[in-house]
N, C-alpha and C. Protein backbone atom coordinates (compact mmCIF):
# COMPACT_ATOMS: atom_id res chain seq x y z
N MET A 1 128.54 73.52 114.15
CA MET A 1 127.25 73.27 113.57
C MET A 1 127.41 72.24 112.46
N ALA A 2 126.63 71.20 112.50
CA ALA A 2 126.76 70.10 111.54
C ALA A 2 126.20 70.46 110.18
N GLY A 3 125.25 71.32 110.10
CA GLY A 3 124.63 71.66 108.82
C GLY A 3 123.75 72.87 108.98
N SER A 4 123.00 73.14 107.98
CA SER A 4 122.09 74.27 108.05
C SER A 4 120.74 73.88 107.48
N LEU A 5 119.76 74.70 107.73
CA LEU A 5 118.41 74.43 107.27
C LEU A 5 117.81 75.73 106.75
N ASN A 6 117.25 75.68 105.57
CA ASN A 6 116.55 76.82 104.98
C ASN A 6 115.21 76.30 104.48
N LYS A 7 114.21 76.34 105.34
CA LYS A 7 112.90 75.81 105.00
C LYS A 7 111.82 76.75 105.54
N VAL A 8 110.82 77.00 104.70
CA VAL A 8 109.72 77.88 105.06
C VAL A 8 108.42 77.15 104.80
N MET A 9 107.48 77.24 105.73
CA MET A 9 106.12 76.71 105.55
C MET A 9 105.16 77.79 106.02
N ILE A 10 104.30 78.25 105.12
CA ILE A 10 103.32 79.27 105.50
C ILE A 10 101.96 78.91 104.92
N ILE A 11 100.93 79.38 105.60
CA ILE A 11 99.56 79.30 105.11
C ILE A 11 99.03 80.73 105.12
N GLY A 12 98.54 81.18 103.97
CA GLY A 12 98.04 82.54 103.89
C GLY A 12 97.13 82.73 102.70
N ARG A 13 96.66 83.95 102.56
CA ARG A 13 95.76 84.30 101.46
C ARG A 13 96.51 85.16 100.44
N LEU A 14 96.19 84.95 99.17
CA LEU A 14 96.82 85.72 98.11
C LEU A 14 96.37 87.17 98.17
N GLY A 15 97.32 88.08 98.09
CA GLY A 15 97.02 89.50 98.12
C GLY A 15 96.61 90.06 96.77
N ARG A 16 96.94 89.34 95.71
CA ARG A 16 96.55 89.71 94.34
C ARG A 16 96.64 88.46 93.48
N ASP A 17 96.13 88.53 92.27
CA ASP A 17 96.20 87.39 91.37
C ASP A 17 97.67 87.08 91.04
N PRO A 18 98.00 85.79 90.88
CA PRO A 18 99.38 85.42 90.52
C PRO A 18 99.75 86.00 89.15
N GLU A 19 101.05 86.24 88.97
CA GLU A 19 101.56 86.76 87.71
C GLU A 19 102.45 85.70 87.07
N LEU A 20 102.04 85.19 85.91
CA LEU A 20 102.79 84.16 85.20
C LEU A 20 103.55 84.79 84.05
N ARG A 21 104.82 84.40 83.91
CA ARG A 21 105.62 84.81 82.76
C ARG A 21 106.53 83.64 82.39
N TYR A 22 107.24 83.79 81.30
CA TYR A 22 108.14 82.74 80.84
C TYR A 22 109.54 83.33 80.65
N THR A 23 110.55 82.56 81.02
CA THR A 23 111.93 82.98 80.81
C THR A 23 112.24 82.92 79.32
N GLN A 24 113.37 83.46 78.92
CA GLN A 24 113.76 83.39 77.51
C GLN A 24 113.93 81.95 77.06
N GLY A 25 114.26 81.06 77.98
CA GLY A 25 114.39 79.64 77.67
C GLY A 25 113.06 78.90 77.65
N GLY A 26 111.96 79.59 77.96
CA GLY A 26 110.64 78.98 77.91
C GLY A 26 110.16 78.39 79.22
N SER A 27 110.89 78.55 80.30
CA SER A 27 110.46 78.01 81.60
C SER A 27 109.42 78.92 82.24
N PRO A 28 108.30 78.34 82.70
CA PRO A 28 107.29 79.16 83.37
C PRO A 28 107.74 79.55 84.78
N VAL A 29 107.44 80.78 85.17
CA VAL A 29 107.71 81.27 86.51
C VAL A 29 106.52 82.12 86.94
N CYS A 30 106.05 81.87 88.16
CA CYS A 30 104.87 82.56 88.67
C CYS A 30 105.23 83.28 89.97
N ASN A 31 104.87 84.55 90.05
CA ASN A 31 105.08 85.33 91.27
C ASN A 31 103.74 85.58 91.93
N LEU A 32 103.71 85.42 93.25
CA LEU A 32 102.50 85.71 94.01
C LEU A 32 102.88 86.27 95.36
N THR A 33 101.91 86.87 96.00
CA THR A 33 102.11 87.46 97.32
C THR A 33 101.08 86.88 98.27
N LEU A 34 101.57 86.31 99.39
CA LEU A 34 100.69 85.74 100.41
C LEU A 34 100.72 86.62 101.65
N ALA A 35 99.58 86.76 102.27
CA ALA A 35 99.47 87.50 103.53
C ALA A 35 99.19 86.51 104.65
N THR A 36 99.96 86.62 105.72
CA THR A 36 99.68 85.86 106.93
C THR A 36 99.35 86.88 108.02
N ASP A 37 98.59 86.44 109.00
CA ASP A 37 98.24 87.37 110.06
C ASP A 37 98.39 86.70 111.41
N GLU A 38 98.64 87.52 112.39
CA GLU A 38 98.67 87.04 113.77
C GLU A 38 98.07 88.12 114.66
N SER A 39 97.54 87.68 115.76
CA SER A 39 96.90 88.60 116.70
C SER A 39 97.63 88.54 118.03
N TYR A 40 97.66 89.67 118.69
CA TYR A 40 98.22 89.73 120.04
C TYR A 40 97.51 90.84 120.79
N LYS A 41 97.72 90.87 122.09
CA LYS A 41 97.12 91.92 122.91
C LYS A 41 98.20 92.92 123.30
N ASP A 42 97.87 94.19 123.16
CA ASP A 42 98.82 95.23 123.55
C ASP A 42 98.79 95.43 125.07
N ARG A 43 99.53 96.40 125.55
CA ARG A 43 99.63 96.63 127.00
C ARG A 43 98.29 96.92 127.66
N ASP A 44 97.39 97.52 126.88
CA ASP A 44 96.08 97.87 127.42
C ASP A 44 95.07 96.74 127.29
N GLY A 45 95.49 95.60 126.75
CA GLY A 45 94.61 94.46 126.60
C GLY A 45 93.78 94.47 125.32
N ASN A 46 94.06 95.41 124.44
CA ASN A 46 93.34 95.48 123.16
C ASN A 46 93.94 94.50 122.16
N LYS A 47 93.07 93.86 121.41
CA LYS A 47 93.52 92.92 120.38
C LYS A 47 94.10 93.70 119.20
N VAL A 48 95.29 93.30 118.77
CA VAL A 48 95.95 93.93 117.63
C VAL A 48 96.20 92.86 116.58
N ASP A 49 95.74 93.12 115.35
CA ASP A 49 95.98 92.21 114.23
C ASP A 49 97.15 92.75 113.42
N GLN A 50 98.09 91.87 113.11
CA GLN A 50 99.25 92.26 112.33
C GLN A 50 99.35 91.37 111.09
N THR A 51 99.49 91.99 109.92
CA THR A 51 99.60 91.26 108.66
C THR A 51 101.03 91.32 108.16
N GLU A 52 101.54 90.17 107.75
CA GLU A 52 102.88 90.07 107.16
C GLU A 52 102.72 89.62 105.71
N TRP A 53 103.40 90.31 104.79
CA TRP A 53 103.32 89.98 103.36
C TRP A 53 104.55 89.19 102.96
N HIS A 54 104.34 88.13 102.19
CA HIS A 54 105.42 87.25 101.74
C HIS A 54 105.40 87.15 100.22
N ARG A 55 106.55 87.41 99.60
CA ARG A 55 106.69 87.21 98.16
C ARG A 55 107.04 85.75 97.92
N VAL A 56 106.42 85.15 96.90
CA VAL A 56 106.64 83.74 96.58
C VAL A 56 106.90 83.62 95.09
N VAL A 57 107.87 82.77 94.72
CA VAL A 57 108.13 82.48 93.32
C VAL A 57 108.01 80.97 93.12
N VAL A 58 107.29 80.57 92.07
CA VAL A 58 107.05 79.16 91.77
C VAL A 58 107.53 78.92 90.34
N TRP A 59 108.22 77.79 90.11
CA TRP A 59 108.79 77.48 88.80
C TRP A 59 108.15 76.23 88.20
N GLY A 60 108.25 76.11 86.89
CA GLY A 60 107.87 74.90 86.17
C GLY A 60 106.37 74.72 86.01
N ARG A 61 105.99 73.46 85.85
CA ARG A 61 104.57 73.13 85.63
C ARG A 61 103.70 73.62 86.78
N GLN A 62 104.22 73.55 88.01
CA GLN A 62 103.45 74.02 89.16
C GLN A 62 103.16 75.52 89.05
N ALA A 63 104.05 76.29 88.44
CA ALA A 63 103.82 77.72 88.24
C ALA A 63 102.59 77.95 87.37
N GLU A 64 102.45 77.15 86.32
CA GLU A 64 101.29 77.28 85.44
C GLU A 64 100.01 76.89 86.16
N THR A 65 100.06 75.84 86.96
CA THR A 65 98.89 75.41 87.72
C THR A 65 98.46 76.48 88.71
N VAL A 66 99.42 77.04 89.44
CA VAL A 66 99.12 78.10 90.40
C VAL A 66 98.48 79.29 89.69
N ALA A 67 99.06 79.70 88.57
CA ALA A 67 98.54 80.86 87.84
C ALA A 67 97.13 80.61 87.30
N ASN A 68 96.84 79.38 86.92
CA ASN A 68 95.53 79.06 86.35
C ASN A 68 94.42 78.94 87.39
N TYR A 69 94.74 78.52 88.60
CA TYR A 69 93.68 78.20 89.56
C TYR A 69 93.62 79.09 90.80
N LEU A 70 94.69 79.74 91.18
CA LEU A 70 94.64 80.59 92.36
C LEU A 70 94.28 82.02 91.97
N ARG A 71 93.58 82.70 92.86
CA ARG A 71 93.17 84.08 92.68
C ARG A 71 93.37 84.84 93.99
N LYS A 72 93.27 86.13 93.90
CA LYS A 72 93.33 86.99 95.07
C LYS A 72 92.31 86.50 96.10
N GLY A 73 92.74 86.40 97.36
CA GLY A 73 91.85 85.99 98.44
C GLY A 73 91.85 84.50 98.73
N ARG A 74 92.37 83.67 97.82
CA ARG A 74 92.38 82.22 98.03
C ARG A 74 93.41 81.85 99.10
N LEU A 75 93.10 80.80 99.86
CA LEU A 75 93.96 80.29 100.91
C LEU A 75 94.90 79.23 100.33
N ALA A 76 96.20 79.34 100.63
CA ALA A 76 97.17 78.40 100.09
C ALA A 76 98.25 78.08 101.12
N TYR A 77 98.77 76.86 101.01
CA TYR A 77 99.93 76.41 101.78
C TYR A 77 101.13 76.46 100.86
N VAL A 78 102.22 77.07 101.31
CA VAL A 78 103.44 77.16 100.52
C VAL A 78 104.59 76.62 101.35
N GLU A 79 105.36 75.74 100.72
CA GLU A 79 106.55 75.18 101.34
C GLU A 79 107.72 75.46 100.40
N GLY A 80 108.82 75.94 100.96
CA GLY A 80 109.97 76.25 100.13
C GLY A 80 111.14 76.71 100.96
N SER A 81 111.99 77.53 100.35
CA SER A 81 113.17 78.06 101.04
C SER A 81 113.28 79.55 100.79
N LEU A 82 113.96 80.25 101.69
CA LEU A 82 114.18 81.68 101.52
C LEU A 82 115.32 81.92 100.54
N GLN A 83 115.13 82.93 99.72
CA GLN A 83 116.15 83.28 98.73
C GLN A 83 116.20 84.80 98.64
N THR A 84 117.39 85.36 98.72
CA THR A 84 117.57 86.80 98.55
C THR A 84 118.34 87.04 97.27
N ARG A 85 117.85 87.95 96.46
CA ARG A 85 118.54 88.26 95.21
C ARG A 85 118.73 89.77 95.09
N LYS A 86 119.77 90.13 94.37
CA LYS A 86 120.12 91.52 94.17
C LYS A 86 119.76 91.91 92.74
N TRP A 87 119.22 93.12 92.57
CA TRP A 87 118.88 93.63 91.25
C TRP A 87 119.01 95.15 91.27
N GLN A 88 118.94 95.77 90.12
CA GLN A 88 119.05 97.22 90.04
C GLN A 88 117.74 97.82 89.57
N ASP A 89 117.36 98.93 90.22
CA ASP A 89 116.14 99.62 89.81
C ASP A 89 116.43 100.49 88.59
N GLN A 90 115.43 101.24 88.15
CA GLN A 90 115.57 102.04 86.93
C GLN A 90 116.59 103.16 87.08
N GLN A 91 116.89 103.55 88.31
CA GLN A 91 117.90 104.58 88.55
C GLN A 91 119.29 103.98 88.74
N GLY A 92 119.42 102.68 88.59
CA GLY A 92 120.72 102.02 88.73
C GLY A 92 121.11 101.71 90.17
N GLN A 93 120.20 101.89 91.11
CA GLN A 93 120.47 101.61 92.52
C GLN A 93 120.33 100.12 92.79
N ASP A 94 121.25 99.57 93.57
CA ASP A 94 121.15 98.16 93.96
C ASP A 94 119.97 97.99 94.91
N ARG A 95 119.17 96.98 94.65
CA ARG A 95 118.02 96.63 95.48
C ARG A 95 118.12 95.15 95.82
N TYR A 96 117.50 94.77 96.93
CA TYR A 96 117.49 93.38 97.35
C TYR A 96 116.06 92.94 97.59
N THR A 97 115.77 91.72 97.23
CA THR A 97 114.45 91.15 97.44
C THR A 97 114.61 89.79 98.09
N THR A 98 113.93 89.57 99.20
CA THR A 98 113.90 88.25 99.83
C THR A 98 112.54 87.65 99.56
N GLU A 99 112.54 86.43 99.05
CA GLU A 99 111.29 85.77 98.69
C GLU A 99 111.38 84.28 99.01
N ILE A 100 110.23 83.64 98.96
CA ILE A 100 110.16 82.20 99.17
C ILE A 100 110.20 81.53 97.81
N LYS A 101 111.19 80.67 97.61
CA LYS A 101 111.27 79.86 96.40
C LYS A 101 110.50 78.58 96.70
N ALA A 102 109.28 78.50 96.19
CA ALA A 102 108.36 77.41 96.55
C ALA A 102 108.66 76.14 95.77
N PHE A 103 108.60 75.02 96.47
CA PHE A 103 108.67 73.73 95.79
C PHE A 103 107.39 72.94 96.00
N ASN A 104 106.48 73.45 96.84
CA ASN A 104 105.20 72.80 97.07
C ASN A 104 104.15 73.87 97.36
N VAL A 105 103.11 73.92 96.53
CA VAL A 105 101.99 74.84 96.76
C VAL A 105 100.72 74.01 96.75
N GLN A 106 99.92 74.14 97.82
CA GLN A 106 98.66 73.42 97.90
C GLN A 106 97.53 74.42 98.09
N PHE A 107 96.42 74.18 97.38
CA PHE A 107 95.25 75.04 97.49
C PHE A 107 94.42 74.53 98.66
N LEU A 108 94.12 75.39 99.62
CA LEU A 108 93.45 74.94 100.84
C LEU A 108 91.96 75.24 100.89
N ASP A 109 91.46 76.02 99.99
CA ASP A 109 90.02 76.23 99.93
C ASP A 109 89.58 76.06 98.49
N SER A 110 88.30 75.80 98.32
CA SER A 110 87.79 75.67 96.96
C SER A 110 87.47 77.07 96.44
N GLN A 111 87.30 77.17 95.16
CA GLN A 111 86.93 78.45 94.57
C GLN A 111 85.59 78.90 95.12
N ARG A 112 84.70 77.96 95.40
CA ARG A 112 83.39 78.29 95.96
C ARG A 112 83.56 78.94 97.33
N ASP A 113 84.46 78.36 98.17
CA ASP A 113 84.69 78.93 99.50
C ASP A 113 85.24 80.35 99.40
N ALA A 114 86.18 80.55 98.48
CA ALA A 114 86.84 81.85 98.36
C ALA A 114 85.91 82.92 97.80
N GLU A 115 85.03 82.53 96.88
CA GLU A 115 84.18 83.50 96.21
C GLU A 115 82.77 83.56 96.79
N GLY A 116 82.41 82.57 97.60
CA GLY A 116 81.09 82.55 98.20
C GLY A 116 79.99 82.28 97.19
N GLY A 117 80.32 81.58 96.12
CA GLY A 117 79.32 81.32 95.08
C GLY A 117 79.53 79.96 94.47
N ASP A 118 79.10 79.80 93.23
CA ASP A 118 79.21 78.53 92.53
C ASP A 118 80.65 78.24 92.14
N TYR A 119 81.00 76.97 92.13
CA TYR A 119 82.33 76.55 91.74
C TYR A 119 82.47 76.66 90.23
N GLN A 120 83.57 77.24 89.78
CA GLN A 120 83.83 77.36 88.35
C GLN A 120 85.03 76.51 88.01
N GLN A 121 84.86 75.55 87.12
CA GLN A 121 85.92 74.61 86.83
C GLN A 121 86.89 75.07 85.76
N ALA A 122 86.51 76.01 84.92
CA ALA A 122 87.39 76.42 83.84
C ALA A 122 88.55 77.25 84.39
N PRO A 123 89.77 76.90 84.04
CA PRO A 123 90.91 77.68 84.51
C PRO A 123 90.96 79.03 83.82
N ARG A 124 91.65 79.94 84.44
CA ARG A 124 91.83 81.28 83.90
C ARG A 124 92.65 81.21 82.62
N GLN A 125 92.31 82.02 81.64
CA GLN A 125 93.07 82.09 80.40
C GLN A 125 94.31 82.94 80.65
N GLN A 126 95.44 82.51 80.11
CA GLN A 126 96.68 83.25 80.27
C GLN A 126 96.68 84.45 79.34
N GLN A 127 97.25 85.53 79.81
CA GLN A 127 97.37 86.71 78.97
C GLN A 127 98.66 86.60 78.18
N GLY A 128 98.58 86.82 76.89
CA GLY A 128 99.77 86.83 76.07
C GLY A 128 100.23 85.46 75.63
N GLY A 129 99.83 84.41 76.32
CA GLY A 129 100.23 83.06 75.94
C GLY A 129 101.71 82.82 76.13
N ARG A 130 102.15 81.69 75.62
CA ARG A 130 103.56 81.32 75.73
C ARG A 130 104.35 81.93 74.58
N PRO A 131 105.63 82.17 74.81
CA PRO A 131 106.46 82.65 73.72
C PRO A 131 106.52 81.60 72.61
N GLN A 132 106.69 82.04 71.38
CA GLN A 132 106.73 81.14 70.23
C GLN A 132 107.81 80.08 70.41
N GLN A 133 108.96 80.47 70.93
CA GLN A 133 110.06 79.53 71.11
C GLN A 133 109.64 78.37 72.01
N HIS A 134 108.91 78.67 73.09
CA HIS A 134 108.48 77.63 74.02
C HIS A 134 107.47 76.70 73.35
N ALA A 135 106.56 77.25 72.57
CA ALA A 135 105.56 76.43 71.91
C ALA A 135 106.22 75.47 70.93
N GLN A 136 107.28 75.88 70.27
CA GLN A 136 107.98 75.00 69.34
C GLN A 136 108.71 73.90 70.08
N GLN A 137 109.24 74.21 71.25
CA GLN A 137 110.02 73.23 72.00
C GLN A 137 109.15 72.12 72.56
N GLN A 138 107.86 72.36 72.74
CA GLN A 138 107.01 71.36 73.36
C GLN A 138 107.00 70.05 72.60
N GLY A 139 107.00 70.10 71.28
CA GLY A 139 106.92 68.89 70.49
C GLY A 139 108.26 68.18 70.33
N GLN A 140 109.34 68.79 70.75
CA GLN A 140 110.66 68.21 70.56
C GLN A 140 111.06 67.37 71.77
N GLN A 141 111.79 66.31 71.50
CA GLN A 141 112.36 65.51 72.57
C GLN A 141 113.72 66.10 72.92
N GLY A 142 114.06 66.13 74.16
CA GLY A 142 115.36 66.67 74.54
C GLY A 142 115.41 66.91 76.02
N PRO A 143 116.57 67.30 76.53
CA PRO A 143 116.69 67.53 77.97
C PRO A 143 115.94 68.78 78.39
N ARG A 144 115.36 68.72 79.56
CA ARG A 144 114.64 69.86 80.11
C ARG A 144 115.59 70.64 81.00
N GLU A 145 115.29 71.91 81.19
CA GLU A 145 116.11 72.73 82.07
C GLU A 145 116.01 72.20 83.50
N GLN A 146 117.12 72.18 84.17
CA GLN A 146 117.15 71.73 85.55
C GLN A 146 117.19 72.94 86.47
N GLY A 147 116.18 73.09 87.30
CA GLY A 147 116.13 74.17 88.27
C GLY A 147 115.89 75.52 87.61
N PRO A 148 115.58 76.52 88.42
CA PRO A 148 115.31 77.84 87.87
C PRO A 148 116.59 78.54 87.45
N PRO A 149 116.55 79.27 86.35
CA PRO A 149 117.70 80.07 85.97
C PRO A 149 117.81 81.28 86.88
N ASN A 150 118.89 82.04 86.76
CA ASN A 150 119.03 83.25 87.55
C ASN A 150 117.94 84.23 87.18
N TYR A 151 117.51 85.04 88.15
CA TYR A 151 116.49 86.04 87.89
C TYR A 151 117.10 87.17 87.08
N PRO A 152 116.33 87.75 86.16
CA PRO A 152 116.83 88.92 85.45
C PRO A 152 116.79 90.13 86.39
N ASP A 153 117.67 91.09 86.13
CA ASP A 153 117.61 92.34 86.88
C ASP A 153 116.43 93.13 86.36
N GLU A 154 115.47 93.41 87.22
CA GLU A 154 114.29 94.13 86.78
C GLU A 154 113.71 94.90 87.94
N ASP A 155 112.92 95.91 87.63
CA ASP A 155 112.24 96.68 88.65
C ASP A 155 111.00 95.91 89.07
N MET A 156 110.96 95.47 90.33
CA MET A 156 109.86 94.65 90.82
C MET A 156 108.72 95.50 91.36
N GLY A 157 108.81 96.82 91.27
CA GLY A 157 107.73 97.67 91.75
C GLY A 157 107.72 97.75 93.26
N PRO A 158 106.59 98.10 93.86
CA PRO A 158 106.52 98.22 95.31
C PRO A 158 106.87 96.90 95.98
N ALA A 159 107.50 96.99 97.13
CA ALA A 159 107.93 95.77 97.82
C ALA A 159 106.75 94.91 98.23
N PHE A 160 105.64 95.51 98.60
CA PHE A 160 104.48 94.76 99.05
C PHE A 160 103.22 95.42 98.53
N PRO A 161 102.13 94.65 98.36
CA PRO A 161 100.88 95.25 97.88
C PRO A 161 100.41 96.41 98.74
N SER A 162 100.69 96.38 100.04
CA SER A 162 100.20 97.44 100.92
C SER A 162 100.81 98.79 100.56
N GLU A 163 102.02 98.80 99.97
CA GLU A 163 102.63 100.05 99.58
C GLU A 163 101.90 100.69 98.41
N ALA A 164 101.36 99.88 97.53
CA ALA A 164 100.70 100.39 96.33
C ALA A 164 99.23 100.69 96.58
N SER A 165 98.58 99.91 97.42
CA SER A 165 97.14 100.03 97.52
C SER A 165 96.62 100.36 98.91
N GLY A 166 97.47 100.40 99.90
CA GLY A 166 97.01 100.67 101.25
C GLY A 166 96.53 99.41 101.94
N MET A 167 96.47 99.44 103.24
CA MET A 167 96.09 98.26 104.02
C MET A 167 94.62 97.93 103.88
N ASP A 168 93.82 98.82 103.29
CA ASP A 168 92.40 98.53 103.11
C ASP A 168 92.19 97.41 102.09
N ASP A 169 93.24 97.06 101.35
CA ASP A 169 93.12 96.06 100.29
C ASP A 169 93.50 94.66 100.79
N VAL A 170 93.66 94.48 102.10
CA VAL A 170 93.98 93.17 102.65
C VAL A 170 92.83 92.22 102.35
N PRO A 171 93.13 90.99 101.86
CA PRO A 171 92.06 90.10 101.39
C PRO A 171 91.25 89.42 102.48
N PHE A 172 91.45 89.74 103.75
CA PHE A 172 90.67 89.09 104.80
C PHE A 172 90.44 90.03 105.95
């Protein structure tokens, strides 16, 4: 084999609002969950809809844009690569999470389409704001961090929104 390829392209709807946080170094990181669906016919000829949930992580300025403008139910295109990381839960058990490390996120519907009402141009206000350290660094000239740092070991909660809220909460 001459090489390898790790590339993912999906179009889906957000299962919940994006979650924006900042690393200790001040880099923005946004986590979101996209749902894709496919239909097929079972042996009896009945249509069956199947939903697949995808965890996505977005870094840098694009993370802030995604967090400010995307909401639960919005349609988005995500392009990136698969990444599996190991972490420990609160009981000290090793856990693994596979997610899409996005390098391109495009909004495919307008807020009006997603909400069925008037378009609202004001972005969502961030909760908690940026850490003080990051706000101080903005005015300074200097090298920027290259690429995302390693993920901290943390309890990521339920693997998918369906585990916490049931399949009735699917956004479409």
